[in-house]
Amino acid sequence: MQSENPIIADFVKLANSAAGTMAGMTREARESARERLREAMGGMDFVSREEFDTVKAMAQKAREQADALEKRVADLEAKHAK
């Protein structure tokens, strides 16, 4: 047999309402934090790993070509000086 004590029923309703309010506040705080993070990161320029690796390979190739040209110029200058 269930007790129909109005004080206990009111307390249970209050506890359920408080739990629902806390869950809603938690959800709202989480969404707010995500939005602030999106805004903060939106102004930053990020590149993908693939783009970074592509540019790195291009820079390495350019450096190798510059070294080869430097050697070629040095050889030509030495040949011309003789």
Protein backbone atom coordinates (compact mmCIF):
# COMPACT_ATOMS: atom_id res chain seq x y z
CA MET A 1 0.00 0.00 0.00
CA GLN A 2 1.45 3.37 -1.07
CA SER A 3 1.66 6.28 1.27
CA GLU A 4 -0.20 9.37 0.09
CA ASN A 5 1.70 11.83 2.24
CA PRO A 6 1.52 15.22 0.45
CA ILE A 7 4.81 16.42 1.95
CA ILE A 8 6.70 13.42 0.53
CA ALA A 9 4.94 13.79 -2.84
CA ASP A 10 5.86 17.48 -2.98
CA PHE A 11 9.45 16.65 -2.03
CA VAL A 12 9.65 14.03 -4.80
CA LYS A 13 8.25 16.53 -7.34
CA LEU A 14 10.77 19.13 -6.18
CA ALA A 15 13.66 16.66 -6.44
CA ASN A 16 12.56 15.62 -9.96
CA SER A 17 12.29 19.26 -11.02
CA ALA A 18 15.73 20.04 -9.61
CA ALA A 19 17.24 17.06 -11.43
CA GLY A 20 15.65 18.17 -14.70
CA THR A 21 16.86 21.74 -14.19
CA MET A 22 20.41 20.55 -13.48
CA ALA A 23 20.40 18.35 -16.58
CA GLY A 24 19.21 21.29 -18.68
CA MET A 25 21.83 23.63 -17.21
CA THR A 26 24.55 21.06 -17.87
CA ARG A 27 23.43 20.65 -21.47
CA GLU A 28 23.25 24.43 -21.96
CA ALA A 29 26.71 24.97 -20.43
CA ARG A 30 28.21 22.28 -22.67
CA GLU A 31 26.68 23.83 -25.81
CA SER A 32 27.81 27.30 -24.76
CA ALA A 33 31.38 26.09 -24.22
CA ARG A 34 31.39 24.38 -27.62
CA GLU A 35 30.14 27.54 -29.31
CA ARG A 36 32.79 29.69 -27.61
CA LEU A 37 35.48 27.22 -28.68
CA ARG A 38 34.20 27.26 -32.28
CA GLU A 39 34.26 31.07 -32.28
CA ALA A 40 37.77 31.18 -30.83
CA MET A 41 39.11 28.66 -33.31
CA GLY A 42 37.24 30.17 -36.24
CA GLY A 43 39.70 33.04 -36.49
CA MET A 44 42.70 30.73 -36.67
CA ASP A 45 43.99 29.37 -39.93
CA PHE A 46 44.57 25.65 -39.74
CA VAL A 47 45.75 23.38 -42.51
CA SER A 48 45.22 19.68 -42.90
CA ARG A 49 48.07 17.26 -42.45
CA GLU A 50 47.90 16.45 -46.17
CA GLU A 51 48.31 20.13 -47.12
CA PHE A 52 51.21 20.50 -44.68
CA ASP A 53 53.00 17.43 -46.07
CA THR A 54 52.47 18.67 -49.66
CA VAL A 55 53.97 22.08 -48.92
CA LYS A 56 56.82 20.47 -47.00
CA ALA A 57 57.65 18.25 -50.00
CA MET A 58 57.51 21.28 -52.31
CA ALA A 59 59.89 23.20 -50.05
CA GLN A 60 62.29 20.26 -49.92
CA LYS A 61 62.28 19.96 -53.72
CA ALA A 62 62.86 23.72 -54.09
CA ARG A 63 65.78 23.52 -51.66
CA GLU A 64 67.32 20.63 -53.61
CA GLN A 65 66.95 22.58 -56.86
CA ALA A 66 68.51 25.68 -55.28
CA ASP A 67 71.46 23.62 -54.03
CA ALA A 68 71.93 22.08 -57.49
CA LEU A 69 71.82 25.52 -59.15
CA GLU A 70 74.26 26.90 -56.59
CA LYS A 71 76.69 24.09 -57.37
CA ARG A 72 76.23 24.62 -61.09
CA VAL A 73 76.95 28.37 -60.78
CA ALA A 74 80.04 27.64 -58.67
CA ASP A 75 81.29 25.17 -61.32
CA LEU A 76 80.68 27.68 -64.12
CA GLU A 77 82.45 30.45 -62.18
CA ALA A 78 85.42 28.17 -61.52
CA LYS A 79 85.54 27.18 -65.20
CA HIS A 80 85.36 30.82 -66.28
CA ALA A 81 88.10 31.88 -63.85
CA LYS A 82 90.61 29.47 -65.45
